[in-house]
């Protein structure tokens, strides 16, 4: 057994022994249980009703926090007051949540985060990583002057509507959010399935600051909002996602729990005209086709094999034509700075006379070689590292030929 394996085994055994010791002493410790009570206030000093304060025992082993045992919770009353009894006098972590509430038919995420806990003259601020507050209470102590300060967490709020302006109400949707820190060092993505309210609104929590891109999916329709930046403490509440469809009745009515038949106006997303077929752009006489690929390199190789090249977009009119021809999806294009960092070139050899970068792009983070360009939803351009898992699902590319092959389709604007 290697030294590393022995150390891991010893750590695991130590944790098991520790938990057994804790379990054996919990019953005895209950005799010395503590009480924690007080008030929850917002940043303006107003009481916060309906906030759930929770405490949970923890132990730190090799610098890692290990939670154990059941969490004790209490919900604040209308005056913002709470009381938790039966707390075992060992290190505890204080956390909290608040529920989403409805206000005049519109959905607002009323989530708050604990910022600090004040007990007497001492103030303890939230942990920088998990947002909890850690402290210990002496046996048989009743702490009654606790003041917990909270503030609303940053949120992203949007409305989903159809082309006629009617909302997609009381329906579960799919929301994917991609995030990038302002310095480009950190990226991430989340996927949730929130329920819209009766006016089509939904809300998502945001980890600010950062650059965000939010996509809503429903029944094959996909809409991506323009990227935006949130500073610390900011919210984004003016997003509108317009589905390219007449109103579609939800499959399931949330209240009744029974299936509903689709309406006659329901429609599905069209297949792109350029899917696997050469399509001629009458403005320049070039032919274009979408292909499936495993990577940017694979797409480039396929293009060369067909006497073509990854698409080179030379002006806004060509960009518009591509958007009308190829259905909403994400494609690799032929722009790259692989040879010289920051010197963007088309693989076709054409000069770069036009770009359609998304806001804050190109942003070459040190997290990888962002030397290739993905055109998202046939619109904004992003410089990316194909090895980054955030972009690996891109399996389509658009290729272009100056001389159209024999079998093509014509596509008017």
Protein backbone atom coordinates (compact mmCIF):
# COMPACT_ATOMS: atom_id res chain seq x y z
CA UNK A 1 0.00 0.00 0.00
CA UNK A 2 1.40 3.40 -0.96
CA UNK A 3 1.89 6.21 1.54
CA UNK A 4 -0.93 8.18 -0.12
CA UNK A 5 -3.36 5.26 0.19
CA UNK A 6 -2.38 4.73 3.82
CA UNK A 7 -2.96 8.37 4.60
CA UNK A 8 -6.39 8.26 2.91
CA UNK A 9 -7.30 5.09 4.78
CA UNK A 10 -6.20 6.60 8.09
CA UNK A 11 -8.25 9.75 7.41
CA UNK A 12 -11.37 7.71 6.59
CA UNK A 13 -10.95 5.61 9.75
CA UNK A 14 -10.43 8.75 11.81
CA UNK A 15 -13.67 10.23 10.45
CA UNK A 16 -15.58 7.03 11.18
CA UNK A 17 -14.22 6.87 14.74
CA UNK A 18 -14.98 10.53 15.29
CA UNK A 19 -18.57 10.16 14.09
CA UNK A 20 -19.03 7.10 16.33
CA UNK A 21 -17.76 9.06 19.30
CA UNK A 22 -20.04 11.96 18.47
CA UNK A 23 -23.05 9.70 18.08
CA UNK A 24 -22.28 8.07 21.43
CA UNK A 25 -22.13 11.39 23.23
CA UNK A 26 -25.04 13.19 21.56
CA UNK A 27 -27.59 11.77 23.99
CA UNK A 28 -25.53 12.89 26.97
CA UNK A 29 -24.90 16.23 25.37
CA UNK A 30 -28.63 16.86 25.08
CA UNK A 31 -28.68 17.34 28.84
CA UNK A 32 -26.45 20.37 28.31
CA UNK A 33 -28.41 21.59 25.25
CA UNK A 34 -28.53 25.26 24.35
CA UNK A 35 -31.08 27.68 22.98
CA UNK A 36 -30.52 30.26 20.26
CA UNK A 37 -33.14 32.92 19.71
CA UNK A 38 -33.33 36.42 18.31
CA UNK A 39 -34.43 38.41 15.30
CA UNK A 40 -33.71 38.45 11.57
CA UNK A 41 -33.34 41.89 9.99
CA UNK A 42 -32.70 43.11 6.46
CA UNK A 43 -29.99 45.61 5.56
CA UNK A 44 -32.38 48.50 6.33
CA UNK A 45 -33.08 47.10 9.79
CA UNK A 46 -36.58 45.84 9.02
CA UNK A 47 -37.71 42.47 10.40
CA UNK A 48 -37.81 39.61 7.89
CA UNK A 49 -40.78 37.26 8.24
CA UNK A 50 -40.81 33.73 6.90
CA UNK A 51 -37.04 33.27 7.04
CA UNK A 52 -35.90 29.78 8.09
CA UNK A 53 -32.88 29.83 10.39
CA UNK A 54 -31.05 26.52 10.60
CA UNK A 55 -28.18 25.25 12.74
CA UNK A 56 -26.18 22.09 12.18
CA UNK A 57 -23.24 20.55 14.09
CA UNK A 58 -19.94 20.30 12.23
CA UNK A 59 -16.38 19.19 12.79
CA UNK A 60 -13.24 20.19 10.90
CA UNK A 61 -10.92 17.35 9.88
CA UNK A 62 -7.77 18.03 7.85
CA UNK A 63 -9.11 21.45 6.99
CA UNK A 64 -12.40 20.06 5.65
CA UNK A 65 -15.77 20.91 7.21
CA UNK A 66 -17.88 17.80 7.92
CA UNK A 67 -21.56 18.32 8.74
CA UNK A 68 -23.36 15.64 10.72
CA UNK A 69 -26.53 15.04 12.66
CA UNK A 70 -29.95 16.53 11.93
CA UNK A 71 -30.30 20.24 11.30
CA UNK A 72 -32.52 22.20 13.67
CA UNK A 73 -34.70 24.88 12.10
CA UNK A 74 -37.07 27.65 13.08
CA UNK A 75 -39.07 29.99 10.86
CA UNK A 76 -39.32 33.66 11.79
CA UNK A 77 -42.73 35.07 12.70
CA UNK A 78 -44.26 38.30 11.42
CA UNK A 79 -41.96 40.27 13.74
CA UNK A 80 -38.89 38.46 12.35
CA UNK A 81 -38.31 36.52 15.60
CA UNK A 82 -37.17 32.90 15.93
CA UNK A 83 -36.12 30.43 18.62
CA UNK A 84 -34.22 27.15 18.27
CA UNK A 85 -33.94 24.80 21.24
CA UNK A 86 -32.06 21.55 21.83
CA UNK A 87 -28.78 22.69 20.27
CA UNK A 88 -25.89 20.40 21.18
CA UNK A 89 -23.02 22.48 22.67
CA UNK A 90 -20.44 21.71 20.02
CA UNK A 91 -19.39 23.81 16.97
CA UNK A 92 -22.39 24.67 14.82
CA UNK A 93 -22.99 26.30 11.47
CA UNK A 94 -25.84 28.78 11.06
CA UNK A 95 -27.49 29.07 7.68
CA UNK A 96 -30.81 30.21 6.33
CA UNK A 97 -33.24 30.35 3.45
CA UNK A 98 -36.45 32.11 2.60
CA UNK A 99 -39.23 30.94 0.37
CA UNK A 100 -40.39 32.40 -2.92
CA UNK A 101 -43.47 34.50 -2.47
CA UNK A 102 -46.15 35.79 -4.83
CA UNK A 103 -46.98 39.45 -5.06
CA UNK A 104 -49.92 40.65 -7.19
CA UNK A 105 -49.61 37.67 -9.51
CA UNK A 106 -45.94 38.22 -10.33
CA UNK A 107 -43.20 35.85 -9.28
CA UNK A 108 -40.36 37.31 -7.23
CA UNK A 109 -37.55 35.27 -5.74
CA UNK A 110 -37.48 36.62 -2.20
CA UNK A 111 -34.38 34.62 -1.32
CA UNK A 112 -32.12 36.19 1.30
CA UNK A 113 -28.59 35.33 2.34
CA UNK A 114 -27.18 35.69 5.83
CA UNK A 115 -24.49 38.37 5.91
CA UNK A 116 -23.59 38.45 9.59
CA UNK A 117 -24.69 37.32 13.06
CA UNK A 118 -24.40 39.73 15.98
CA UNK A 119 -24.41 38.38 19.54
CA UNK A 120 -23.92 41.06 22.14
CA UNK A 121 -20.95 43.18 21.09
CA UNK A 122 -19.52 40.51 18.76
CA UNK A 123 -20.35 40.30 15.04
CA UNK A 124 -19.50 37.21 12.98
CA UNK A 125 -19.52 37.56 9.19
CA UNK A 126 -20.54 34.89 6.71
CA UNK A 127 -18.02 32.32 5.54
CA UNK A 128 -16.54 33.35 2.15
CA UNK A 129 -17.08 29.92 0.56
CA UNK A 130 -20.41 28.45 1.67
CA UNK A 131 -22.07 31.50 3.20
CA UNK A 132 -22.54 29.93 6.64
CA UNK A 133 -21.77 31.37 10.07
CA UNK A 134 -19.71 29.19 12.41
CA UNK A 135 -19.67 29.49 16.19
CA UNK A 136 -19.81 27.53 19.45
CA UNK A 137 -22.20 27.92 22.38
CA UNK A 138 -21.31 27.01 25.94
CA UNK A 139 -23.33 24.15 27.56
CA UNK A 140 -26.72 25.10 29.03
CA UNK A 141 -26.44 28.60 27.58
CA UNK A 142 -29.52 30.42 26.32
CA UNK A 143 -28.50 33.04 23.77
CA UNK A 144 -31.47 35.32 23.33
CA UNK A 145 -30.04 38.52 21.88
CA UNK A 146 -29.02 37.14 18.47
CA UNK A 147 -29.38 39.54 15.56
CA UNK A 148 -29.08 38.02 12.10
CA UNK A 149 -28.58 40.41 9.19
CA UNK A 150 -29.67 39.23 5.73
CA UNK A 151 -29.89 40.74 2.29
CA UNK A 152 -31.56 39.54 -0.94
CA UNK A 153 -29.27 37.47 -3.07
CA UNK A 154 -28.72 38.61 -6.63
CA UNK A 155 -31.28 37.22 -9.03
CA UNK A 156 -32.09 37.01 -12.70
CA UNK A 157 -35.74 37.40 -13.54
CA UNK A 158 -37.38 36.96 -16.92
CA UNK A 159 -40.71 36.61 -18.65
CA UNK A 160 -41.55 34.01 -21.28
CA UNK A 161 -44.08 35.03 -23.93
CA UNK A 162 -45.32 33.87 -27.33
CA UNK A 163 -45.16 35.87 -30.54
CA UNK A 164 -48.56 37.42 -29.88
CA UNK A 165 -47.39 38.67 -26.48
CA UNK A 166 -49.38 36.22 -24.36
CA UNK A 167 -47.38 34.73 -21.45
CA UNK A 168 -46.34 31.13 -21.04
CA UNK A 169 -48.16 30.88 -17.72
CA UNK A 170 -47.94 28.29 -14.93
CA UNK A 171 -45.67 26.04 -16.95
CA UNK A 172 -42.42 24.27 -16.19
CA UNK A 173 -39.58 25.36 -18.46
CA UNK A 174 -35.91 24.54 -18.85
CA UNK A 175 -33.45 27.32 -18.07
CA UNK A 176 -29.72 27.08 -18.67
CA UNK A 177 -27.40 29.79 -17.40
CA UNK A 178 -23.77 30.19 -18.40
CA UNK A 179 -21.50 32.32 -16.26
CA UNK A 180 -18.06 33.84 -16.66
CA UNK A 181 -16.21 35.93 -14.10
CA UNK A 182 -15.20 39.45 -15.21
CA UNK A 183 -11.53 38.45 -15.39
CA UNK A 184 -12.35 35.41 -17.51
CA UNK A 185 -10.70 33.03 -15.05
CA UNK A 186 -13.82 31.20 -13.90
CA UNK A 187 -16.68 29.80 -15.94
CA UNK A 188 -19.65 27.65 -15.10
CA UNK A 189 -23.15 26.67 -16.10
CA UNK A 190 -26.35 25.61 -14.38
CA UNK A 191 -29.57 24.01 -15.51
CA UNK A 192 -32.90 24.36 -13.71
CA UNK A 193 -36.57 23.67 -14.40
CA UNK A 194 -38.52 26.49 -12.75
CA UNK A 195 -42.27 27.00 -12.99
CA UNK A 196 -43.48 30.26 -14.49
CA UNK A 197 -46.18 32.22 -12.68
CA UNK A 198 -49.50 33.31 -14.18
CA UNK A 199 -47.79 36.15 -16.04
CA UNK A 200 -44.98 33.98 -17.40
CA UNK A 201 -42.28 35.14 -14.97
CA UNK A 202 -39.51 33.00 -13.48
CA UNK A 203 -36.46 33.82 -11.35
CA UNK A 204 -32.98 32.35 -10.96
CA UNK A 205 -30.32 32.96 -8.36
CA UNK A 206 -27.15 34.63 -9.66
CA UNK A 207 -23.62 34.34 -8.30
CA UNK A 208 -22.39 37.87 -8.94
CA UNK A 209 -20.32 39.53 -10.20
CA UNK A 210 -20.01 38.09 -13.67
CA UNK A 211 -21.11 37.90 -17.28
CA UNK A 212 -24.25 35.85 -17.86
CA UNK A 213 -26.03 34.24 -20.78
CA UNK A 214 -29.49 32.75 -20.12
CA UNK A 215 -31.37 30.36 -22.42
CA UNK A 216 -35.00 29.27 -22.07
CA UNK A 217 -36.17 26.02 -23.66
CA UNK A 218 -39.76 24.89 -24.08
CA UNK A 219 -41.14 22.18 -26.38
CA UNK A 220 -38.28 22.44 -28.85
CA UNK A 221 -38.22 26.23 -28.88
CA UNK A 222 -35.05 27.87 -27.61
CA UNK A 223 -34.47 31.55 -26.88
CA UNK A 224 -31.20 33.04 -25.62
CA UNK A 225 -31.04 36.52 -24.14
CA UNK A 226 -28.21 38.85 -25.04
CA UNK A 227 -25.27 38.42 -22.61
CA UNK A 228 -25.21 40.89 -19.75
CA UNK A 229 -22.94 41.74 -16.83
CA UNK A 230 -23.94 41.88 -13.17
CA UNK A 231 -21.95 43.77 -10.58
CA UNK A 232 -21.94 42.73 -6.92
CA UNK A 233 -25.42 43.17 -5.45
CA UNK A 234 -27.10 43.87 -8.79
CA UNK A 235 -30.14 42.09 -10.22
CA UNK A 236 -31.38 41.62 -13.76
CA UNK A 237 -35.16 41.74 -14.00
CA UNK A 238 -35.99 42.95 -17.51
CA UNK A 239 -35.33 39.83 -19.58
CA UNK A 240 -38.05 38.83 -22.06
CA UNK A 241 -37.91 35.50 -23.91
CA UNK A 242 -40.20 35.42 -26.94
CA UNK A 243 -40.91 31.92 -28.24
CA UNK A 244 -41.25 31.76 -32.03
CA UNK A 245 -44.68 30.19 -31.79
CA UNK A 246 -48.36 30.80 -31.32
CA UNK A 247 -49.57 29.97 -27.80
CA UNK A 248 -49.15 26.32 -26.81
CA UNK A 249 -51.24 24.81 -24.02
CA UNK A 250 -49.10 23.13 -21.32
CA UNK A 251 -49.13 19.33 -21.33
CA UNK A 252 -50.08 19.22 -17.65
CA UNK A 253 -52.19 21.63 -15.68
CA UNK A 254 -50.25 22.20 -12.42
CA UNK A 255 -53.38 22.55 -10.30
CA UNK A 256 -55.39 19.60 -11.61
CA UNK A 257 -52.44 17.30 -12.37
CA UNK A 258 -54.15 16.01 -15.53
CA UNK A 259 -52.96 15.95 -19.08
CA UNK A 260 -54.19 18.57 -21.52
CA UNK A 261 -54.40 17.99 -25.27
CA UNK A 262 -52.30 20.28 -27.45
CA UNK A 263 -54.10 23.17 -29.11
CA UNK A 264 -54.54 23.40 -32.86
CA UNK A 265 -52.08 26.29 -32.94
CA UNK A 266 -49.24 24.26 -31.47
CA UNK A 267 -46.21 24.08 -33.74
CA UNK A 268 -42.74 22.65 -33.70
CA UNK A 269 -39.37 24.14 -34.53
CA UNK A 270 -38.56 23.91 -38.25
CA UNK A 271 -35.55 21.99 -39.42
CA UNK A 272 -32.87 24.21 -40.91
CA UNK A 273 -32.92 24.40 -44.71
CA UNK A 274 -29.16 24.02 -44.68
CA UNK A 275 -29.11 20.77 -42.69
CA UNK A 276 -26.77 18.56 -44.73
CA UNK A 277 -27.76 20.26 -48.00
CA UNK A 278 -25.83 22.91 -49.90
CA UNK A 279 -27.76 26.18 -49.93
CA UNK A 280 -26.81 29.08 -52.21
CA UNK A 281 -26.79 32.64 -50.93
CA UNK A 282 -28.02 34.75 -53.87
CA UNK A 283 -26.16 37.80 -52.56
CA UNK A 284 -22.68 36.33 -53.15
CA UNK A 285 -23.31 33.05 -55.02
CA UNK A 286 -21.57 30.99 -52.32
CA UNK A 287 -22.96 27.68 -51.06
CA UNK A 288 -23.30 26.80 -47.39
CA UNK A 289 -24.08 23.60 -45.49
CA UNK A 290 -24.33 22.53 -41.87
CA UNK A 291 -22.44 19.40 -40.86
CA UNK A 292 -22.20 17.28 -37.76
CA UNK A 293 -18.77 17.08 -36.16
CA UNK A 294 -16.96 15.91 -33.06
CA UNK A 295 -14.80 19.03 -32.65
CA UNK A 296 -13.59 22.17 -34.41
CA UNK A 297 -10.66 20.22 -35.88
CA UNK A 298 -13.01 17.52 -37.15
CA UNK A 299 -15.26 20.15 -38.76
CA UNK A 300 -12.28 21.81 -40.41
CA UNK A 301 -11.09 18.47 -41.79
CA UNK A 302 -14.55 17.66 -43.18
CA UNK A 303 -14.71 21.06 -44.85
CA UNK A 304 -11.34 20.53 -46.57
CA UNK A 305 -12.44 17.05 -47.72
CA UNK A 306 -15.45 18.62 -49.47
CA UNK A 307 -13.42 21.31 -51.16
CA UNK A 308 -14.83 23.88 -48.75
CA UNK A 309 -13.85 25.77 -45.61
CA UNK A 310 -15.44 26.64 -42.29
CA UNK A 311 -17.76 29.57 -42.90
CA UNK A 312 -16.21 33.03 -43.17
CA UNK A 313 -18.70 35.81 -42.40
CA UNK A 314 -17.78 39.06 -44.11
CA UNK A 315 -20.62 41.47 -43.34
CA UNK A 316 -23.86 41.94 -41.42
CA UNK A 317 -25.98 40.90 -44.42
CA UNK A 318 -24.24 37.54 -44.64
CA UNK A 319 -24.71 37.09 -40.88
CA UNK A 320 -28.42 37.86 -41.26
CA UNK A 321 -28.79 35.42 -44.14
CA UNK A 322 -27.15 32.64 -42.13
CA UNK A 323 -29.52 33.32 -39.23
CA UNK A 324 -32.52 33.01 -41.55
CA UNK A 325 -31.20 29.89 -43.27
CA UNK A 326 -29.91 27.80 -40.38
CA UNK A 327 -32.29 27.12 -37.51
CA UNK A 328 -31.45 28.36 -34.02
CA UNK A 329 -28.44 26.33 -32.96
CA UNK A 330 -24.74 26.74 -32.21
CA UNK A 331 -22.06 26.24 -34.83
CA UNK A 332 -18.31 26.30 -35.20
CA UNK A 333 -17.12 28.91 -37.69
CA UNK A 334 -13.77 29.47 -39.38
CA UNK A 335 -12.37 32.32 -37.28
CA UNK A 336 -9.28 31.46 -35.22
CA UNK A 337 -6.20 33.01 -33.62
CA UNK A 338 -4.50 29.64 -33.17
CA UNK A 339 -1.33 30.72 -35.00
CA UNK A 340 -0.82 34.08 -33.27
CA UNK A 341 -2.68 35.02 -30.10
CA UNK A 342 -5.02 37.95 -30.72
CA UNK A 343 -4.52 37.89 -34.51
CA UNK A 344 -7.84 36.58 -35.79
CA UNK A 345 -7.94 34.98 -39.24
CA UNK A 346 -10.46 33.10 -41.37
CA UNK A 347 -9.37 29.61 -42.40
CA UNK A 348 -10.43 30.59 -45.94
CA UNK A 349 -7.66 33.18 -46.02
CA UNK A 350 -10.11 36.06 -46.46
CA UNK A 351 -9.41 39.29 -44.54
CA UNK A 352 -11.41 39.90 -41.36
CA UNK A 353 -13.73 42.77 -42.34
CA UNK A 354 -16.61 42.07 -39.96
CA UNK A 355 -17.12 40.56 -36.50
CA UNK A 356 -20.17 39.91 -34.35
CA UNK A 357 -18.63 39.31 -30.93
CA UNK A 358 -20.92 38.88 -27.95
CA UNK A 359 -20.54 41.57 -25.28
CA UNK A 360 -17.18 41.30 -23.45
CA UNK A 361 -15.80 38.99 -26.14
CA UNK A 362 -13.26 38.00 -27.20
CA UNK A 363 -12.03 37.27 -23.69
CA UNK A 364 -9.10 34.90 -23.71
CA UNK A 365 -9.11 33.43 -20.20
CA UNK A 366 -6.04 31.69 -18.83
CA UNK A 367 -8.18 28.61 -18.22
CA UNK A 368 -7.43 27.27 -21.70
CA UNK A 369 -6.58 28.10 -25.28
CA UNK A 370 -9.61 30.07 -26.47
CA UNK A 371 -8.43 30.05 -30.06
CA UNK A 372 -11.63 29.08 -31.88
CA UNK A 373 -15.02 30.69 -32.39
CA UNK A 374 -18.47 29.33 -31.76
CA UNK A 375 -21.48 31.17 -33.21
CA UNK A 376 -24.23 30.77 -30.65
CA UNK A 377 -27.79 30.43 -31.96
CA UNK A 378 -26.57 31.73 -35.34
CA UNK A 379 -25.89 35.06 -33.65
CA UNK A 380 -23.25 36.14 -31.14
CA UNK A 381 -19.67 34.94 -31.46
CA UNK A 382 -17.65 33.54 -28.54
CA UNK A 383 -13.97 32.65 -28.49
CA UNK A 384 -13.68 29.31 -26.73
CA UNK A 385 -11.42 26.43 -25.87
CA UNK A 386 -12.90 23.28 -27.49
CA UNK A 387 -11.58 21.23 -24.56
CA UNK A 388 -13.63 23.26 -22.09
CA UNK A 389 -16.62 21.09 -21.11
CA UNK A 390 -18.88 24.15 -21.29
CA UNK A 391 -18.41 24.17 -25.08
CA UNK A 392 -17.89 20.47 -25.84
CA UNK A 393 -21.59 19.87 -26.66
CA UNK A 394 -21.08 21.94 -29.85
CA UNK A 395 -21.44 19.25 -32.54
CA UNK A 396 -22.40 21.34 -35.57
CA UNK A 397 -20.48 23.56 -37.97
CA UNK A 398 -21.28 25.58 -41.09
CA UNK A 399 -19.03 25.10 -44.10
CA UNK A 400 -18.85 27.29 -47.20
CA UNK A 401 -17.83 26.96 -50.85
CA UNK A 402 -17.21 29.79 -53.29
CA UNK A 403 -18.14 27.48 -56.20
CA UNK A 404 -21.48 25.74 -55.55
CA UNK A 405 -21.60 21.98 -56.17
CA UNK A 406 -24.08 20.49 -58.60
CA UNK A 407 -26.88 19.79 -56.09
CA UNK A 408 -27.92 22.90 -54.19
CA UNK A 409 -30.98 24.73 -52.95
CA UNK A 410 -31.66 28.42 -53.41
CA UNK A 411 -32.57 30.44 -50.35
CA UNK A 412 -33.94 33.95 -50.75
CA UNK A 413 -33.70 36.43 -47.88
